[in-house]
Amino acid sequence: TDSSSCTFYELKHADDHHIPIYYLKMSDIWPPKPPKDFDGGNEGPDQIKFVIKKDDFYHDWNGKEWNAMVCAEEVKQELHKIFREKRLDESILNMNANNLSTLSNSPQVQ
């Protein structure tokens, strides 16, 4: 896509600026294994290999009925735990579940 707000550019920005990504695992396969591209290429699978690192964090939502508010609260609690364990600055966690409600519009990766 030509949009600068597509997933490719969002992930590139995060990678270029060393911004950690916290994933939602929404299928039983991790990391996700997308099918070949519509034109037979491997851009989707190649992007997954490039972006998802073995030590990245993810929240397991596999097999649960989607609820953005519950998911956001669980993720927030997990991030607080991770940050406490890693003794990282918790000030970046000054968010609330309402700010994460956009997750309800996120497609499920399978």
Foldseek 3Di string as FASTA:
>chain_A
DPDCPDPVNVLVVCVVVVNADEAEQAAPDPPFDDDAPPVRHCPPVVVSVVRDDPPHHYHYPYPHDDDQLVVLVVVLVVVVVVCVVVVHDCPVSPDHSVVRSCVVVDDHGD
